[in-house]
N, C-alpha and C. Protein backbone atom coordinates (compact mmCIF):
# COMPACT_ATOMS: atom_id res chain seq x y z
N MET A 1 -114.33 102.33 -102.68
CA MET A 1 -115.61 102.86 -102.29
C MET A 1 -116.71 102.16 -103.08
N ILE A 2 -117.83 101.89 -102.43
CA ILE A 2 -118.95 101.18 -103.03
C ILE A 2 -119.75 102.16 -103.89
N ASN A 3 -120.08 101.77 -105.10
CA ASN A 3 -120.91 102.57 -105.99
C ASN A 3 -122.37 102.19 -105.74
N PHE A 4 -123.06 103.01 -104.91
CA PHE A 4 -124.43 102.70 -104.53
C PHE A 4 -125.39 102.73 -105.72
N GLU A 5 -125.15 103.62 -106.67
CA GLU A 5 -126.02 103.68 -107.85
C GLU A 5 -125.95 102.38 -108.64
N HIS A 6 -124.74 101.82 -108.70
CA HIS A 6 -124.54 100.56 -109.40
C HIS A 6 -125.32 99.43 -108.72
N LEU A 7 -125.44 99.47 -107.41
CA LEU A 7 -126.19 98.45 -106.68
C LEU A 7 -127.69 98.72 -106.71
N ALA A 8 -128.08 99.99 -106.71
CA ALA A 8 -129.49 100.36 -106.62
C ALA A 8 -130.25 100.08 -107.91
N ALA A 9 -129.66 100.36 -109.05
CA ALA A 9 -130.36 100.24 -110.33
C ALA A 9 -130.93 98.84 -110.57
N PRO A 10 -130.18 97.76 -110.35
CA PRO A 10 -130.76 96.43 -110.60
C PRO A 10 -131.95 96.11 -109.68
N VAL A 11 -131.91 96.58 -108.44
CA VAL A 11 -133.01 96.31 -107.52
C VAL A 11 -134.26 97.06 -107.97
N VAL A 12 -134.10 98.34 -108.31
CA VAL A 12 -135.24 99.13 -108.78
C VAL A 12 -135.79 98.53 -110.08
N ASP A 13 -134.91 98.10 -110.97
CA ASP A 13 -135.35 97.45 -112.21
C ASP A 13 -136.11 96.15 -111.92
N PHE A 14 -135.62 95.38 -110.96
CA PHE A 14 -136.30 94.14 -110.58
C PHE A 14 -137.72 94.44 -110.10
N VAL A 15 -137.87 95.45 -109.26
CA VAL A 15 -139.20 95.81 -108.74
C VAL A 15 -140.09 96.31 -109.87
N ARG A 16 -139.52 97.04 -110.81
CA ARG A 16 -140.31 97.53 -111.95
C ARG A 16 -140.90 96.36 -112.73
N VAL A 17 -140.11 95.32 -112.94
CA VAL A 17 -140.54 94.17 -113.73
C VAL A 17 -141.39 93.20 -112.91
N ASN A 18 -141.08 93.08 -111.63
CA ASN A 18 -141.75 92.12 -110.74
C ASN A 18 -142.48 92.87 -109.63
N GLN A 19 -143.50 93.60 -109.99
CA GLN A 19 -144.16 94.51 -109.05
C GLN A 19 -144.77 93.80 -107.85
N GLY A 20 -145.16 92.58 -108.00
CA GLY A 20 -145.73 91.83 -106.88
C GLY A 20 -144.73 91.59 -105.75
N TRP A 21 -143.46 91.66 -106.08
CA TRP A 21 -142.41 91.46 -105.08
C TRP A 21 -142.06 92.74 -104.33
N ALA A 22 -142.59 93.87 -104.76
CA ALA A 22 -142.20 95.16 -104.20
C ALA A 22 -142.31 95.24 -102.68
N PRO A 23 -143.45 94.84 -102.06
CA PRO A 23 -143.51 94.93 -100.59
C PRO A 23 -142.44 94.11 -99.88
N LEU A 24 -142.18 92.90 -100.40
CA LEU A 24 -141.16 92.04 -99.78
C LEU A 24 -139.76 92.62 -99.97
N VAL A 25 -139.46 93.11 -101.17
CA VAL A 25 -138.15 93.70 -101.44
C VAL A 25 -137.93 94.92 -100.56
N VAL A 26 -138.93 95.79 -100.47
CA VAL A 26 -138.80 97.00 -99.66
C VAL A 26 -138.70 96.64 -98.18
N GLY A 27 -139.47 95.65 -97.76
CA GLY A 27 -139.37 95.20 -96.36
C GLY A 27 -137.98 94.67 -96.02
N ALA A 28 -137.41 93.89 -96.93
CA ALA A 28 -136.06 93.36 -96.71
C ALA A 28 -135.02 94.48 -96.69
N LEU A 29 -135.18 95.45 -97.59
CA LEU A 29 -134.26 96.59 -97.60
C LEU A 29 -134.36 97.40 -96.31
N ALA A 30 -135.57 97.66 -95.87
CA ALA A 30 -135.76 98.42 -94.63
C ALA A 30 -135.22 97.65 -93.43
N PHE A 31 -135.41 96.34 -93.43
CA PHE A 31 -134.86 95.50 -92.37
C PHE A 31 -133.34 95.62 -92.33
N GLY A 32 -132.71 95.46 -93.49
CA GLY A 32 -131.25 95.57 -93.56
C GLY A 32 -130.75 96.95 -93.19
N GLU A 33 -131.49 97.97 -93.60
CA GLU A 33 -131.12 99.36 -93.28
C GLU A 33 -131.19 99.63 -91.79
N SER A 34 -132.09 98.93 -91.09
CA SER A 34 -132.29 99.16 -89.67
C SER A 34 -131.51 98.20 -88.78
N LEU A 35 -131.01 97.14 -89.33
CA LEU A 35 -130.28 96.15 -88.54
C LEU A 35 -128.87 96.66 -88.27
N ALA A 36 -128.49 96.64 -87.02
CA ALA A 36 -127.17 97.13 -86.63
C ALA A 36 -126.08 96.44 -87.44
N ILE A 37 -125.07 97.19 -87.78
CA ILE A 37 -123.89 96.77 -88.51
C ILE A 37 -124.19 96.50 -90.00
N VAL A 38 -125.21 95.70 -90.30
CA VAL A 38 -125.57 95.37 -91.68
C VAL A 38 -125.95 96.63 -92.46
N SER A 39 -126.52 97.60 -91.78
CA SER A 39 -127.02 98.81 -92.43
C SER A 39 -125.93 99.56 -93.20
N VAL A 40 -124.70 99.42 -92.79
CA VAL A 40 -123.60 100.09 -93.46
C VAL A 40 -123.39 99.53 -94.88
N LEU A 41 -123.76 98.29 -95.09
CA LEU A 41 -123.51 97.61 -96.35
C LEU A 41 -124.64 97.73 -97.36
N ILE A 42 -125.80 98.22 -96.93
CA ILE A 42 -126.98 98.22 -97.80
C ILE A 42 -127.40 99.66 -98.12
N PRO A 43 -127.44 100.02 -99.40
CA PRO A 43 -127.87 101.37 -99.79
C PRO A 43 -129.40 101.47 -99.88
N ALA A 44 -130.06 101.04 -98.83
CA ALA A 44 -131.52 100.92 -98.86
C ALA A 44 -132.23 102.24 -99.07
N THR A 45 -131.75 103.30 -98.48
CA THR A 45 -132.44 104.58 -98.61
C THR A 45 -132.53 105.01 -100.07
N VAL A 46 -131.43 104.91 -100.78
CA VAL A 46 -131.40 105.29 -102.20
C VAL A 46 -132.36 104.42 -102.99
N ILE A 47 -132.35 103.12 -102.74
CA ILE A 47 -133.20 102.20 -103.47
C ILE A 47 -134.67 102.46 -103.15
N MET A 48 -134.98 102.69 -101.87
CA MET A 48 -136.37 102.91 -101.48
C MET A 48 -136.93 104.20 -102.07
N VAL A 49 -136.13 105.23 -102.17
CA VAL A 49 -136.58 106.45 -102.82
C VAL A 49 -136.88 106.17 -104.30
N GLY A 50 -136.03 105.38 -104.94
CA GLY A 50 -136.27 104.99 -106.32
C GLY A 50 -137.55 104.18 -106.47
N ILE A 51 -137.80 103.27 -105.54
CA ILE A 51 -139.03 102.48 -105.58
C ILE A 51 -140.23 103.38 -105.29
N GLY A 52 -140.05 104.38 -104.43
CA GLY A 52 -141.12 105.34 -104.18
C GLY A 52 -141.54 106.04 -105.46
N ALA A 53 -140.58 106.37 -106.31
CA ALA A 53 -140.89 106.99 -107.60
C ALA A 53 -141.64 106.01 -108.51
N LEU A 54 -141.33 104.72 -108.39
CA LEU A 54 -142.05 103.71 -109.18
C LEU A 54 -143.51 103.60 -108.75
N ILE A 55 -143.77 103.87 -107.49
CA ILE A 55 -145.15 103.77 -107.01
C ILE A 55 -146.05 104.68 -107.84
N GLY A 56 -145.60 105.91 -108.02
CA GLY A 56 -146.39 106.84 -108.82
C GLY A 56 -146.21 106.62 -110.30
N GLY A 57 -145.00 106.33 -110.74
CA GLY A 57 -144.70 106.24 -112.16
C GLY A 57 -145.15 104.95 -112.82
N ALA A 58 -145.10 103.84 -112.10
CA ALA A 58 -145.44 102.54 -112.69
C ALA A 58 -146.75 101.99 -112.15
N GLY A 59 -147.41 102.76 -111.30
CA GLY A 59 -148.71 102.34 -110.79
C GLY A 59 -148.66 101.28 -109.70
N LEU A 60 -147.58 101.18 -108.96
CA LEU A 60 -147.50 100.23 -107.85
C LEU A 60 -148.42 100.70 -106.72
N GLU A 61 -148.90 99.75 -105.95
CA GLU A 61 -149.76 100.05 -104.81
C GLU A 61 -148.91 100.63 -103.68
N PHE A 62 -149.30 101.79 -103.16
CA PHE A 62 -148.53 102.45 -102.11
C PHE A 62 -148.59 101.69 -100.79
N TRP A 63 -149.78 101.34 -100.31
CA TRP A 63 -149.94 100.85 -98.94
C TRP A 63 -149.22 99.53 -98.66
N PRO A 64 -149.26 98.54 -99.55
CA PRO A 64 -148.49 97.32 -99.25
C PRO A 64 -146.98 97.57 -99.19
N ILE A 65 -146.49 98.43 -100.06
CA ILE A 65 -145.05 98.73 -100.06
C ILE A 65 -144.69 99.52 -98.81
N TRP A 66 -145.53 100.46 -98.44
CA TRP A 66 -145.33 101.24 -97.22
C TRP A 66 -145.32 100.32 -96.00
N ALA A 67 -146.28 99.39 -95.95
CA ALA A 67 -146.34 98.45 -94.82
C ALA A 67 -145.08 97.58 -94.77
N GLY A 68 -144.60 97.13 -95.93
CA GLY A 68 -143.36 96.35 -95.96
C GLY A 68 -142.18 97.13 -95.42
N ALA A 69 -142.08 98.40 -95.83
CA ALA A 69 -140.98 99.25 -95.35
C ALA A 69 -141.07 99.48 -93.85
N ALA A 70 -142.26 99.81 -93.36
CA ALA A 70 -142.43 100.08 -91.94
C ALA A 70 -142.15 98.83 -91.10
N PHE A 71 -142.67 97.69 -91.54
CA PHE A 71 -142.45 96.45 -90.79
C PHE A 71 -140.98 96.05 -90.79
N GLY A 72 -140.32 96.15 -91.94
CA GLY A 72 -138.91 95.80 -92.02
C GLY A 72 -138.06 96.68 -91.11
N ALA A 73 -138.34 97.98 -91.11
CA ALA A 73 -137.59 98.92 -90.26
C ALA A 73 -137.84 98.61 -88.78
N PHE A 74 -139.09 98.36 -88.43
CA PHE A 74 -139.45 98.03 -87.05
C PHE A 74 -138.72 96.76 -86.59
N LEU A 75 -138.76 95.73 -87.42
CA LEU A 75 -138.15 94.45 -87.07
C LEU A 75 -136.63 94.56 -86.93
N GLY A 76 -135.99 95.29 -87.83
CA GLY A 76 -134.53 95.46 -87.76
C GLY A 76 -134.10 96.13 -86.46
N ASP A 77 -134.80 97.19 -86.09
CA ASP A 77 -134.46 97.87 -84.83
C ASP A 77 -134.76 96.99 -83.62
N TRP A 78 -135.85 96.26 -83.68
CA TRP A 78 -136.23 95.40 -82.56
C TRP A 78 -135.15 94.34 -82.33
N ILE A 79 -134.69 93.69 -83.38
CA ILE A 79 -133.65 92.67 -83.23
C ILE A 79 -132.36 93.29 -82.70
N SER A 80 -131.98 94.45 -83.23
CA SER A 80 -130.76 95.12 -82.76
C SER A 80 -130.87 95.45 -81.27
N TYR A 81 -132.02 95.93 -80.86
CA TYR A 81 -132.26 96.26 -79.45
C TYR A 81 -132.12 95.01 -78.57
N GLU A 82 -132.75 93.91 -79.00
CA GLU A 82 -132.71 92.69 -78.19
C GLU A 82 -131.30 92.09 -78.12
N VAL A 83 -130.56 92.16 -79.22
CA VAL A 83 -129.18 91.68 -79.21
C VAL A 83 -128.36 92.48 -78.20
N ALA A 84 -128.54 93.80 -78.21
CA ALA A 84 -127.79 94.66 -77.29
C ALA A 84 -128.20 94.40 -75.84
N ARG A 85 -129.48 94.18 -75.59
CA ARG A 85 -129.91 93.86 -74.22
C ARG A 85 -129.27 92.55 -73.75
N TYR A 86 -129.19 91.59 -74.66
CA TYR A 86 -128.63 90.28 -74.32
C TYR A 86 -127.14 90.39 -73.99
N PHE A 87 -126.38 91.07 -74.84
CA PHE A 87 -124.93 91.15 -74.66
C PHE A 87 -124.51 92.26 -73.71
N GLY A 88 -125.35 93.26 -73.50
CA GLY A 88 -125.08 94.32 -72.56
C GLY A 88 -123.94 95.24 -72.99
N PRO A 89 -123.34 95.94 -72.04
CA PRO A 89 -122.31 96.93 -72.34
C PRO A 89 -121.10 96.39 -73.09
N ALA A 90 -120.84 95.10 -73.01
CA ALA A 90 -119.67 94.52 -73.70
C ALA A 90 -119.76 94.73 -75.22
N ILE A 91 -120.97 94.88 -75.74
CA ILE A 91 -121.14 95.04 -77.18
C ILE A 91 -120.49 96.34 -77.69
N GLN A 92 -120.39 97.33 -76.82
CA GLN A 92 -119.76 98.61 -77.21
C GLN A 92 -118.27 98.44 -77.51
N HIS A 93 -117.68 97.41 -76.96
CA HIS A 93 -116.23 97.21 -77.12
C HIS A 93 -115.92 96.16 -78.20
N SER A 94 -116.93 95.77 -78.94
CA SER A 94 -116.77 94.79 -80.02
C SER A 94 -116.66 95.51 -81.36
N TRP A 95 -116.11 94.78 -82.35
CA TRP A 95 -116.04 95.33 -83.69
C TRP A 95 -117.45 95.40 -84.25
N PRO A 96 -117.86 96.37 -84.97
CA PRO A 96 -117.13 97.55 -85.41
C PRO A 96 -117.33 98.77 -84.50
N LEU A 97 -118.11 98.59 -83.44
CA LEU A 97 -118.38 99.73 -82.55
C LEU A 97 -117.11 100.26 -81.90
N ASN A 98 -116.16 99.40 -81.62
CA ASN A 98 -114.92 99.86 -80.98
C ASN A 98 -114.09 100.74 -81.92
N ARG A 99 -114.41 100.75 -83.21
CA ARG A 99 -113.69 101.60 -84.17
C ARG A 99 -114.35 102.96 -84.33
N GLN A 100 -115.50 103.15 -83.75
CA GLN A 100 -116.25 104.41 -83.86
C GLN A 100 -116.66 104.93 -82.48
N PRO A 101 -115.71 105.13 -81.57
CA PRO A 101 -116.10 105.52 -80.21
C PRO A 101 -116.82 106.87 -80.16
N GLU A 102 -116.47 107.83 -81.03
CA GLU A 102 -117.14 109.13 -81.01
C GLU A 102 -118.59 109.00 -81.46
N LEU A 103 -118.84 108.18 -82.46
CA LEU A 103 -120.21 107.98 -82.93
C LEU A 103 -121.05 107.29 -81.86
N VAL A 104 -120.46 106.32 -81.18
CA VAL A 104 -121.16 105.65 -80.08
C VAL A 104 -121.44 106.66 -78.97
N ALA A 105 -120.48 107.51 -78.67
CA ALA A 105 -120.67 108.54 -77.63
C ALA A 105 -121.76 109.53 -78.02
N ARG A 106 -121.80 109.94 -79.30
CA ARG A 106 -122.87 110.85 -79.77
C ARG A 106 -124.23 110.20 -79.62
N THR A 107 -124.31 108.93 -79.96
CA THR A 107 -125.57 108.20 -79.85
C THR A 107 -125.99 108.09 -78.39
N GLU A 108 -125.03 107.83 -77.53
CA GLU A 108 -125.32 107.73 -76.10
C GLU A 108 -125.83 109.06 -75.56
N ARG A 109 -125.22 110.17 -76.00
CA ARG A 109 -125.69 111.50 -75.56
C ARG A 109 -127.11 111.77 -76.05
N LEU A 110 -127.40 111.38 -77.29
CA LEU A 110 -128.75 111.55 -77.83
C LEU A 110 -129.75 110.78 -76.98
N MET A 111 -129.44 109.55 -76.65
CA MET A 111 -130.35 108.72 -75.88
C MET A 111 -130.50 109.22 -74.45
N THR A 112 -129.42 109.70 -73.86
CA THR A 112 -129.47 110.23 -72.50
C THR A 112 -130.32 111.49 -72.45
N LYS A 113 -130.16 112.34 -73.44
CA LYS A 113 -130.87 113.62 -73.46
C LYS A 113 -132.35 113.46 -73.80
N PHE A 114 -132.67 112.58 -74.76
CA PHE A 114 -134.04 112.52 -75.28
C PHE A 114 -134.79 111.24 -74.95
N GLY A 115 -134.12 110.22 -74.43
CA GLY A 115 -134.81 108.97 -74.08
C GLY A 115 -135.50 108.35 -75.28
N ALA A 116 -136.79 108.03 -75.14
CA ALA A 116 -137.55 107.39 -76.22
C ALA A 116 -137.63 108.30 -77.44
N TRP A 117 -137.67 109.61 -77.23
CA TRP A 117 -137.65 110.52 -78.38
C TRP A 117 -136.35 110.37 -79.16
N GLY A 118 -135.28 110.01 -78.48
CA GLY A 118 -134.01 109.76 -79.15
C GLY A 118 -134.10 108.57 -80.10
N VAL A 119 -134.89 107.57 -79.74
CA VAL A 119 -135.12 106.43 -80.63
C VAL A 119 -135.84 106.92 -81.88
N PHE A 120 -136.86 107.74 -81.67
CA PHE A 120 -137.62 108.28 -82.80
C PHE A 120 -136.73 109.15 -83.69
N ILE A 121 -136.04 110.09 -83.09
CA ILE A 121 -135.18 111.03 -83.83
C ILE A 121 -134.04 110.30 -84.54
N GLY A 122 -133.44 109.34 -83.86
CA GLY A 122 -132.28 108.63 -84.39
C GLY A 122 -132.53 107.91 -85.70
N ARG A 123 -133.76 107.50 -85.95
CA ARG A 123 -134.07 106.77 -87.18
C ARG A 123 -133.82 107.64 -88.42
N PHE A 124 -133.85 108.95 -88.27
CA PHE A 124 -133.75 109.86 -89.41
C PHE A 124 -132.34 110.39 -89.66
N PHE A 125 -131.36 109.89 -88.91
CA PHE A 125 -129.98 110.33 -89.08
C PHE A 125 -129.11 109.12 -89.38
N GLY A 126 -128.71 109.01 -90.66
CA GLY A 126 -127.97 107.86 -91.17
C GLY A 126 -126.94 107.25 -90.25
N PRO A 127 -125.95 108.01 -89.82
CA PRO A 127 -124.89 107.38 -89.01
C PRO A 127 -125.39 106.86 -87.66
N LEU A 128 -126.41 107.49 -87.12
CA LEU A 128 -126.91 107.08 -85.81
C LEU A 128 -127.96 105.97 -85.90
N ARG A 129 -128.61 105.86 -87.05
CA ARG A 129 -129.77 104.98 -87.22
C ARG A 129 -129.54 103.58 -86.67
N ALA A 130 -128.44 102.97 -87.01
CA ALA A 130 -128.20 101.58 -86.59
C ALA A 130 -127.69 101.48 -85.16
N LEU A 131 -127.17 102.58 -84.63
CA LEU A 131 -126.63 102.52 -83.27
C LEU A 131 -127.67 102.79 -82.19
N VAL A 132 -128.70 103.54 -82.51
CA VAL A 132 -129.70 103.92 -81.51
C VAL A 132 -130.33 102.69 -80.83
N PRO A 133 -130.80 101.68 -81.58
CA PRO A 133 -131.37 100.53 -80.87
C PRO A 133 -130.34 99.78 -80.03
N LEU A 134 -129.08 99.78 -80.48
CA LEU A 134 -128.04 99.14 -79.68
C LEU A 134 -127.85 99.85 -78.35
N VAL A 135 -127.74 101.16 -78.41
CA VAL A 135 -127.55 101.93 -77.19
C VAL A 135 -128.77 101.79 -76.27
N ALA A 136 -129.98 101.83 -76.87
CA ALA A 136 -131.19 101.66 -76.06
C ALA A 136 -131.19 100.29 -75.38
N GLY A 137 -130.73 99.26 -76.08
CA GLY A 137 -130.66 97.93 -75.50
C GLY A 137 -129.58 97.80 -74.44
N VAL A 138 -128.42 98.38 -74.70
CA VAL A 138 -127.32 98.31 -73.73
C VAL A 138 -127.73 98.96 -72.41
N PHE A 139 -128.41 100.09 -72.51
CA PHE A 139 -128.82 100.80 -71.29
C PHE A 139 -130.19 100.37 -70.78
N GLU A 140 -130.69 99.28 -71.36
CA GLU A 140 -131.94 98.64 -70.93
C GLU A 140 -133.11 99.61 -70.84
N MET A 141 -133.29 100.40 -71.91
CA MET A 141 -134.49 101.20 -72.00
C MET A 141 -135.67 100.24 -71.89
N PRO A 142 -136.69 100.58 -71.14
CA PRO A 142 -137.83 99.66 -71.03
C PRO A 142 -138.37 99.27 -72.41
N ARG A 143 -138.67 97.99 -72.57
CA ARG A 143 -139.08 97.46 -73.87
C ARG A 143 -140.29 98.18 -74.46
N VAL A 144 -141.30 98.41 -73.64
CA VAL A 144 -142.51 99.05 -74.16
C VAL A 144 -142.20 100.45 -74.66
N ARG A 145 -141.42 101.20 -73.92
CA ARG A 145 -141.05 102.55 -74.34
C ARG A 145 -140.26 102.51 -75.65
N PHE A 146 -139.31 101.59 -75.73
CA PHE A 146 -138.53 101.45 -76.96
C PHE A 146 -139.43 101.09 -78.13
N GLN A 147 -140.31 100.11 -77.94
CA GLN A 147 -141.13 99.62 -79.05
C GLN A 147 -142.14 100.67 -79.53
N VAL A 148 -142.67 101.48 -78.64
CA VAL A 148 -143.58 102.54 -79.07
C VAL A 148 -142.84 103.54 -79.96
N ALA A 149 -141.66 103.96 -79.52
CA ALA A 149 -140.85 104.89 -80.32
C ALA A 149 -140.39 104.23 -81.62
N ASN A 150 -140.03 102.95 -81.55
CA ASN A 150 -139.59 102.22 -82.72
C ASN A 150 -140.73 102.14 -83.76
N ALA A 151 -141.91 101.75 -83.32
CA ALA A 151 -143.05 101.62 -84.24
C ALA A 151 -143.42 102.97 -84.86
N ALA A 152 -143.53 103.98 -84.03
CA ALA A 152 -143.91 105.31 -84.53
C ALA A 152 -142.89 105.83 -85.54
N SER A 153 -141.62 105.69 -85.22
CA SER A 153 -140.60 106.20 -86.14
C SER A 153 -140.55 105.39 -87.43
N ALA A 154 -140.80 104.08 -87.36
CA ALA A 154 -140.79 103.26 -88.57
C ALA A 154 -141.92 103.68 -89.51
N LEU A 155 -143.08 103.98 -88.96
CA LEU A 155 -144.22 104.42 -89.79
C LEU A 155 -143.93 105.75 -90.47
N VAL A 156 -143.38 106.68 -89.72
CA VAL A 156 -143.07 108.01 -90.28
C VAL A 156 -141.93 107.90 -91.29
N TRP A 157 -140.90 107.13 -90.96
CA TRP A 157 -139.75 106.96 -91.84
C TRP A 157 -140.16 106.38 -93.20
N ALA A 158 -141.01 105.34 -93.17
CA ALA A 158 -141.48 104.73 -94.41
C ALA A 158 -142.26 105.74 -95.24
N THR A 159 -143.05 106.56 -94.59
CA THR A 159 -143.83 107.58 -95.30
C THR A 159 -142.91 108.61 -95.94
N ILE A 160 -141.93 109.07 -95.20
CA ILE A 160 -141.01 110.09 -95.70
C ILE A 160 -140.22 109.58 -96.90
N LEU A 161 -139.82 108.31 -96.88
CA LEU A 161 -139.04 107.77 -98.00
C LEU A 161 -139.87 107.47 -99.24
N LEU A 162 -141.08 106.99 -99.06
CA LEU A 162 -141.86 106.51 -100.19
C LEU A 162 -142.87 107.50 -100.74
N ALA A 163 -143.50 108.27 -99.88
CA ALA A 163 -144.60 109.13 -100.32
C ALA A 163 -144.17 110.24 -101.27
N PRO A 164 -143.04 110.90 -101.06
CA PRO A 164 -142.69 111.98 -101.99
C PRO A 164 -142.57 111.52 -103.43
N GLY A 165 -141.90 110.41 -103.66
CA GLY A 165 -141.76 109.91 -105.02
C GLY A 165 -143.10 109.52 -105.61
N ALA A 166 -143.92 108.87 -104.80
CA ALA A 166 -145.24 108.45 -105.27
C ALA A 166 -146.08 109.67 -105.60
N GLY A 167 -146.10 110.65 -104.74
CA GLY A 167 -146.89 111.86 -104.95
C GLY A 167 -146.36 112.71 -106.09
N LEU A 168 -145.05 112.84 -106.18
CA LEU A 168 -144.45 113.65 -107.24
C LEU A 168 -144.76 113.05 -108.61
N MET A 169 -144.64 111.75 -108.73
CA MET A 169 -144.91 111.11 -110.01
C MET A 169 -146.38 111.27 -110.40
N GLU A 170 -147.28 111.17 -109.42
CA GLU A 170 -148.71 111.38 -109.71
C GLU A 170 -148.94 112.81 -110.17
N TRP A 171 -148.30 113.76 -109.52
CA TRP A 171 -148.46 115.17 -109.87
C TRP A 171 -147.91 115.44 -111.28
N LEU A 172 -146.78 114.83 -111.61
CA LEU A 172 -146.18 115.03 -112.93
C LEU A 172 -147.04 114.41 -114.05
N LYS A 173 -147.80 113.35 -113.74
CA LYS A 173 -148.66 112.73 -114.73
C LYS A 173 -149.79 113.66 -115.16
N ARG A 174 -150.21 114.55 -114.28
CA ARG A 174 -151.33 115.45 -114.57
C ARG A 174 -150.97 116.48 -115.54
């Protein structure tokens, strides 16, 4: 089993020492977290919450880091969606999706029931997060509808991950 704390600490320490890199680091983490398949290997949520605490505790600028997180998340889902549109239904039968048929089925039910809202909702549920853009692409959800939900959810997701730590640290300073 992967020790996420062991992986997260060096990244948070790097951002603490190299604050100018924070937006790029957070953007890359959010991209990896949102990119299908790769997201399983990256403990981005844990790291981003830690960086959120640095925003308030170490005086990092919130908005550039938030923009990096939102853009990275948006881009990761967009690429996953386009890959799935390109390969179509055959992608469901490829590794590693063929090893998780129930998870793929749950994601498909979410998308069937909620459509574009399913894209928005799916971003906030770890196991579904990386599959939602794939399913949307496989079933050829219209691009504009997908991208509106993708952009909106990326903005909210970045806020939810980063703002609490930033705000809590500011409040504790008082």
